[in-house]
C-alpha atoms as a PDB file:
ATOM      1  CA  UNK A   1     -30.266 -36.527 -57.457  1.00  0.00           C
ATOM      2  CA  UNK A   2     -32.754 -35.682 -54.137  1.00  0.00           C
ATOM      3  CA  UNK A   3     -32.674 -32.358 -52.586  1.00  0.00           C
ATOM      4  CA  UNK A   4     -31.022 -29.198 -53.876  1.00  0.00           C
ATOM      5  CA  UNK A   5     -27.800 -29.849 -56.009  1.00  0.00           C
ATOM      6  CA  UNK A   6     -26.624 -26.374 -54.631  1.00  0.00           C
ATOM      7  CA  UNK A   7     -27.234 -26.648 -51.058  1.00  0.00           C
ATOM      8  CA  UNK A   8     -23.562 -26.805 -50.093  1.00  0.00           C
ATOM      9  CA  UNK A   9     -22.483 -24.042 -52.723  1.00  0.00           C
ATOM     10  CA  UNK A  10     -25.312 -22.099 -51.095  1.00  0.00           C
ATOM     11  CA  UNK A  11     -24.384 -22.765 -47.525  1.00  0.00           C
ATOM     12  CA  UNK A  12     -20.378 -22.119 -48.556  1.00  0.00           C
ATOM     13  CA  UNK A  13     -21.298 -18.551 -49.952  1.00  0.00           C
ATOM     14  CA  UNK A  14     -22.720 -17.937 -46.524  1.00  0.00           C
ATOM     15  CA  UNK A  15     -19.627 -19.030 -44.342  1.00  0.00           C
ATOM     16  CA  UNK A  16     -17.688 -16.733 -46.554  1.00  0.00           C
ATOM     17  CA  UNK A  17     -20.097 -13.877 -46.406  1.00  0.00           C
ATOM     18  CA  UNK A  18     -20.099 -14.080 -42.550  1.00  0.00           C
ATOM     19  CA  UNK A  19     -16.213 -14.558 -42.909  1.00  0.00           C
ATOM     20  CA  UNK A  20     -16.281 -11.047 -44.817  1.00  0.00           C
ATOM     21  CA  UNK A  21     -18.350  -9.316 -42.612  1.00  0.00           C
ATOM     22  CA  UNK A  22     -16.305 -10.546 -39.709  1.00  0.00           C
ATOM     23  CA  UNK A  23     -12.728  -9.534 -40.656  1.00  0.00           C
ATOM     24  CA  UNK A  24     -12.816  -6.233 -38.791  1.00  0.00           C
ATOM     25  CA  UNK A  25      -9.363  -6.817 -37.741  1.00  0.00           C
ATOM     26  CA  UNK A  26      -7.886  -7.893 -40.588  1.00  0.00           C
ATOM     27  CA  UNK A  27      -4.407  -6.354 -41.969  1.00  0.00           C
ATOM     28  CA  UNK A  28      -5.673  -6.660 -45.544  1.00  0.00           C
ATOM     29  CA  UNK A  29      -9.302  -7.501 -45.906  1.00  0.00           C
ATOM     30  CA  UNK A  30     -10.949  -9.660 -48.888  1.00  0.00           C
ATOM     31  CA  UNK A  31     -13.640  -7.488 -50.854  1.00  0.00           C
ATOM     32  CA  UNK A  32     -15.335 -10.014 -52.310  1.00  0.00           C
ATOM     33  CA  UNK A  33     -15.679 -13.675 -53.148  1.00  0.00           C
ATOM     34  CA  UNK A  34     -16.170 -16.445 -55.605  1.00  0.00           C
ATOM     35  CA  UNK A  35     -17.231 -20.088 -54.556  1.00  0.00           C
ATOM     36  CA  UNK A  36     -17.441 -22.886 -57.053  1.00  0.00           C
ATOM     37  CA  UNK A  37     -19.185 -25.885 -56.121  1.00  0.00           C
ATOM     38  CA  UNK A  38     -18.805 -29.048 -58.085  1.00  0.00           C
ATOM     39  CA  UNK A  39     -21.705 -29.607 -60.483  1.00  0.00           C
ATOM     40  CA  UNK A  40     -22.723 -33.129 -58.933  1.00  0.00           C
ATOM     41  CA  UNK A  41     -23.840 -31.249 -55.574  1.00  0.00           C
ATOM     42  CA  UNK A  42     -21.120 -33.016 -53.492  1.00  0.00           C
ATOM     43  CA  UNK A  43     -20.049 -31.084 -50.490  1.00  0.00           C
ATOM     44  CA  UNK A  44     -16.375 -31.917 -51.379  1.00  0.00           C
ATOM     45  CA  UNK A  45     -14.094 -30.272 -53.139  1.00  0.00           C
ATOM     46  CA  UNK A  46     -15.554 -27.044 -53.464  1.00  0.00           C
ATOM     47  CA  UNK A  47     -13.650 -23.728 -54.350  1.00  0.00           C
ATOM     48  CA  UNK A  48     -13.310 -20.459 -52.554  1.00  0.00           C
ATOM     49  CA  UNK A  49     -11.642 -17.555 -53.740  1.00  0.00           C
ATOM     50  CA  UNK A  50     -11.009 -14.756 -51.462  1.00  0.00           C
ATOM     51  CA  UNK A  51     -10.865 -11.550 -53.491  1.00  0.00           C
ATOM     52  CA  UNK A  52      -8.978  -8.380 -52.937  1.00  0.00           C
ATOM     53  CA  UNK A  53      -9.197  -5.020 -54.702  1.00  0.00           C
ATOM     54  CA  UNK A  54      -5.663  -5.102 -56.218  1.00  0.00           C
ATOM     55  CA  UNK A  55      -2.727  -7.142 -56.680  1.00  0.00           C
ATOM     56  CA  UNK A  56      -0.491  -5.392 -54.477  1.00  0.00           C
ATOM     57  CA  UNK A  57      -3.273  -5.976 -51.490  1.00  0.00           C
ATOM     58  CA  UNK A  58      -3.371  -9.784 -53.091  1.00  0.00           C
ATOM     59  CA  UNK A  59      -0.241 -10.095 -52.241  1.00  0.00           C
ATOM     60  CA  UNK A  60      -0.938  -8.488 -48.677  1.00  0.00           C
ATOM     61  CA  UNK A  61      -3.674 -10.843 -47.892  1.00  0.00           C
ATOM     62  CA  UNK A  62      -1.530 -13.986 -48.819  1.00  0.00           C
ATOM     63  CA  UNK A  63       1.167 -13.035 -46.654  1.00  0.00           C
ATOM     64  CA  UNK A  64      -0.828 -11.888 -43.527  1.00  0.00           C
ATOM     65  CA  UNK A  65      -4.715 -13.431 -44.014  1.00  0.00           C
ATOM     66  CA  UNK A  66      -4.987 -15.850 -46.411  1.00  0.00           C
ATOM     67  CA  UNK A  67      -3.950 -18.857 -43.813  1.00  0.00           C
ATOM     68  CA  UNK A  68      -5.686 -16.947 -40.731  1.00  0.00           C
ATOM     69  CA  UNK A  69      -9.085 -16.737 -43.167  1.00  0.00           C
ATOM     70  CA  UNK A  70      -8.703 -20.381 -44.357  1.00  0.00           C
ATOM     71  CA  UNK A  71      -8.977 -21.699 -40.923  1.00  0.00           C
ATOM     72  CA  UNK A  72     -12.026 -19.863 -39.961  1.00  0.00           C
ATOM     73  CA  UNK A  73     -13.810 -20.762 -42.851  1.00  0.00           C
ATOM     74  CA  UNK A  74     -13.085 -24.405 -42.137  1.00  0.00           C
ATOM     75  CA  UNK A  75     -14.423 -23.990 -38.366  1.00  0.00           C
ATOM     76  CA  UNK A  76     -17.545 -21.879 -40.082  1.00  0.00           C
ATOM     77  CA  UNK A  77     -17.888 -24.884 -42.202  1.00  0.00           C
ATOM     78  CA  UNK A  78     -17.911 -27.255 -38.971  1.00  0.00           C
ATOM     79  CA  UNK A  79     -20.449 -25.156 -37.231  1.00  0.00           C
ATOM     80  CA  UNK A  80     -22.819 -25.250 -40.075  1.00  0.00           C
ATOM     81  CA  UNK A  81     -22.502 -28.896 -40.860  1.00  0.00           C
ATOM     82  CA  UNK A  82     -19.968 -29.638 -43.427  1.00  0.00           C
ATOM     83  CA  UNK A  83     -18.919 -32.976 -43.147  1.00  0.00           C
ATOM     84  CA  UNK A  84     -15.295 -33.535 -42.125  1.00  0.00           C
ATOM     85  CA  UNK A  85     -14.128 -34.908 -46.133  1.00  0.00           C
ATOM     86  CA  UNK A  86     -15.609 -31.038 -47.168  1.00  0.00           C
ATOM     87  CA  UNK A  87     -13.761 -29.452 -44.558  1.00  0.00           C
ATOM     88  CA  UNK A  88     -10.297 -31.092 -45.424  1.00  0.00           C
ATOM     89  CA  UNK A  89     -10.956 -30.828 -49.520  1.00  0.00           C
ATOM     90  CA  UNK A  90     -12.181 -26.972 -49.603  1.00  0.00           C
ATOM     91  CA  UNK A  91      -9.759 -25.832 -52.191  1.00  0.00           C
ATOM     92  CA  UNK A  92      -9.046 -22.220 -51.186  1.00  0.00           C
ATOM     93  CA  UNK A  93      -7.120 -19.445 -53.095  1.00  0.00           C
ATOM     94  CA  UNK A  94      -6.784 -15.742 -53.331  1.00  0.00           C
ATOM     95  CA  UNK A  95      -6.924 -13.369 -56.610  1.00  0.00           C
ATOM     96  CA  UNK A  96      -7.453  -9.212 -57.374  1.00  0.00           C
ATOM     97  CA  UNK A  97     -10.486  -7.887 -58.996  1.00  0.00           C
ATOM     98  CA  UNK A  98      -7.232  -6.407 -61.110  1.00  0.00           C
ATOM     99  CA  UNK A  99      -6.478  -9.734 -62.062  1.00  0.00           C
ATOM    100  CA  UNK A 100      -9.784 -10.718 -62.813  1.00  0.00           C
ATOM    101  CA  UNK A 101     -10.427  -7.514 -65.294  1.00  0.00           C
ATOM    102  CA  UNK A 102      -6.959  -8.486 -66.758  1.00  0.00           C
ATOM    103  CA  UNK A 103      -8.301 -12.181 -67.701  1.00  0.00           C
ATOM    104  CA  UNK A 104     -11.515 -10.661 -69.452  1.00  0.00           C
ATOM    105  CA  UNK A 105     -13.961 -10.601 -66.235  1.00  0.00           C
ATOM    106  CA  UNK A 106     -15.309 -13.138 -63.858  1.00  0.00           C
ATOM    107  CA  UNK A 107     -16.303 -16.025 -67.138  1.00  0.00           C
ATOM    108  CA  UNK A 108     -13.033 -15.984 -68.208  1.00  0.00           C
ATOM    109  CA  UNK A 109     -10.973 -15.733 -64.927  1.00  0.00           C
ATOM    110  CA  UNK A 110     -12.783 -18.766 -63.248  1.00  0.00           C
ATOM    111  CA  UNK A 111     -13.462 -21.330 -65.751  1.00  0.00           C
END
């Protein structure tokens, strides 16, 4: 494969970083994120996790922010050059630092 296999994953990290900085008016902001790109280097099917500090805040985030942040992410993806198929196949979820720790940390949780 030519080029940078992690191009789309790194670009997605930049997109989510920009959202995190811009969420000044969020009712329940996310505090971290995890991006899981396909090992093939494809822009399609990238997994994005918005991470909240607690389970309760994750529940509030899902109710009040997840849809809005997902749409903002898709707009940002379009702005930076993701192809339309990548925008329709991005897999967005939410979790919390508490839930990650309960599962034994990031490696155990996201595998």
